[in-house]
Amino acid sequence: MSSSLSLSNHLNRLIEVHRALDEKITKDFNERLDDTALTNEKMQKLELKREIEQLKEIIKIKEQNEH
């Protein structure tokens, strides 16, 4: 099983990717990118958000078990 530190590092990376994708969506929207591409980007962002929330919960449980 992964250590809390490696899980936290992975979480931080996912958060960075999520923020970058959010910025890209805003830019693409402002540049009138086609709806299909924007929808795909939004779906990727939503999936990242789900991963982030799941990982936060795993880290929380792991930290509780360590104490």
C-alpha atoms as a PDB file:
ATOM      1  CA  MET A   1       0.000   0.000   0.000  1.00  0.00           C
ATOM      2  CA  SER A   2       1.228   3.509  -0.751  1.00  0.00           C
ATOM      3  CA  SER A   3       2.554   5.770   1.952  1.00  0.00           C
ATOM      4  CA  SER A   4       0.657   8.856   3.039  1.00  0.00           C
ATOM      5  CA  LEU A   5       3.441  11.005   1.593  1.00  0.00           C
ATOM      6  CA  SER A   6       3.253   9.439  -1.867  1.00  0.00           C
ATOM      7  CA  LEU A   7      -0.546   9.680  -1.793  1.00  0.00           C
ATOM      8  CA  SER A   8      -0.300  13.348  -0.794  1.00  0.00           C
ATOM      9  CA  ASN A   9       2.186  13.992  -3.598  1.00  0.00           C
ATOM     10  CA  HIS A  10      -0.167  12.336  -6.073  1.00  0.00           C
ATOM     11  CA  LEU A  11      -3.064  14.389  -4.714  1.00  0.00           C
ATOM     12  CA  ASN A  12      -1.100  17.612  -5.154  1.00  0.00           C
ATOM     13  CA  ARG A  13      -0.280  16.661  -8.743  1.00  0.00           C
ATOM     14  CA  LEU A  14      -3.946  15.940  -9.500  1.00  0.00           C
ATOM     15  CA  ILE A  15      -4.905  19.322  -8.040  1.00  0.00           C
ATOM     16  CA  GLU A  16      -2.324  21.031 -10.275  1.00  0.00           C
ATOM     17  CA  VAL A  17      -3.651  19.239 -13.360  1.00  0.00           C
ATOM     18  CA  HIS A  18      -7.221  20.141 -12.358  1.00  0.00           C
ATOM     19  CA  ARG A  19      -6.327  23.837 -12.041  1.00  0.00           C
ATOM     20  CA  ALA A  20      -4.496  23.836 -15.376  1.00  0.00           C
ATOM     21  CA  LEU A  21      -7.467  22.189 -17.066  1.00  0.00           C
ATOM     22  CA  ASP A  22      -9.787  24.761 -15.505  1.00  0.00           C
ATOM     23  CA  GLU A  23      -7.651  27.547 -16.961  1.00  0.00           C
ATOM     24  CA  LYS A  24      -7.646  25.815 -20.357  1.00  0.00           C
ATOM     25  CA  ILE A  25     -11.437  25.489 -20.307  1.00  0.00           C
ATOM     26  CA  THR A  26     -11.794  29.196 -19.537  1.00  0.00           C
ATOM     27  CA  LYS A  27      -9.375  30.115 -22.334  1.00  0.00           C
ATOM     28  CA  ASP A  28     -11.051  27.770 -24.822  1.00  0.00           C
ATOM     29  CA  PHE A  29     -14.491  29.096 -23.897  1.00  0.00           C
ATOM     30  CA  ASN A  30     -13.346  32.673 -24.401  1.00  0.00           C
ATOM     31  CA  GLU A  31     -11.870  31.718 -27.761  1.00  0.00           C
ATOM     32  CA  ARG A  32     -15.171  30.084 -28.773  1.00  0.00           C
ATOM     33  CA  LEU A  33     -13.788  26.561 -29.094  1.00  0.00           C
ATOM     34  CA  ASP A  34     -16.375  24.112 -30.364  1.00  0.00           C
ATOM     35  CA  ASP A  35     -18.834  22.685 -27.842  1.00  0.00           C
ATOM     36  CA  THR A  36     -17.668  19.089 -28.257  1.00  0.00           C
ATOM     37  CA  ALA A  37     -14.107  19.923 -27.259  1.00  0.00           C
ATOM     38  CA  LEU A  38     -15.289  22.005 -24.295  1.00  0.00           C
ATOM     39  CA  THR A  39     -17.590  19.211 -23.173  1.00  0.00           C
ATOM     40  CA  ASN A  40     -14.709  16.723 -23.323  1.00  0.00           C
ATOM     41  CA  GLU A  41     -12.501  19.040 -21.278  1.00  0.00           C
ATOM     42  CA  LYS A  42     -15.262  19.533 -18.711  1.00  0.00           C
ATOM     43  CA  MET A  43     -15.739  15.767 -18.441  1.00  0.00           C
ATOM     44  CA  GLN A  44     -11.985  15.334 -17.877  1.00  0.00           C
ATOM     45  CA  LYS A  45     -12.115  18.005 -15.188  1.00  0.00           C
ATOM     46  CA  LEU A  46     -15.061  16.294 -13.498  1.00  0.00           C
ATOM     47  CA  GLU A  47     -13.234  12.946 -13.528  1.00  0.00           C
ATOM     48  CA  LEU A  48     -10.165  14.592 -12.006  1.00  0.00           C
ATOM     49  CA  LYS A  49     -12.357  16.124  -9.298  1.00  0.00           C
ATOM     50  CA  ARG A  50     -13.758  12.676  -8.492  1.00  0.00           C
ATOM     51  CA  GLU A  51     -10.247  11.234  -8.271  1.00  0.00           C
ATOM     52  CA  ILE A  52      -9.173  14.095  -6.021  1.00  0.00           C
ATOM     53  CA  GLU A  53     -12.098  13.572  -3.649  1.00  0.00           C
ATOM     54  CA  GLN A  54     -11.542   9.801  -3.526  1.00  0.00           C
ATOM     55  CA  LEU A  55      -7.856  10.266  -2.827  1.00  0.00           C
ATOM     56  CA  LYS A  56      -8.604  12.786  -0.069  1.00  0.00           C
ATOM     57  CA  GLU A  57     -10.850  10.217   1.577  1.00  0.00           C
ATOM     58  CA  ILE A  58      -8.215   7.477   1.275  1.00  0.00           C
ATOM     59  CA  ILE A  59      -5.587   9.749   2.819  1.00  0.00           C
ATOM     60  CA  LYS A  60      -7.958  10.701   5.652  1.00  0.00           C
ATOM     61  CA  ILE A  61      -8.687   7.048   6.454  1.00  0.00           C
ATOM     62  CA  LYS A  62      -5.017   6.096   6.218  1.00  0.00           C
ATOM     63  CA  GLU A  63      -4.012   8.905   8.588  1.00  0.00           C
ATOM     64  CA  GLN A  64      -6.720   7.918  11.065  1.00  0.00           C
ATOM     65  CA  ASN A  65      -5.447   4.337  11.031  1.00  0.00           C
ATOM     66  CA  GLU A  66      -1.883   5.492  11.673  1.00  0.00           C
ATOM     67  CA  HIS A  67      -2.835   7.182  14.948  1.00  0.00           C
END
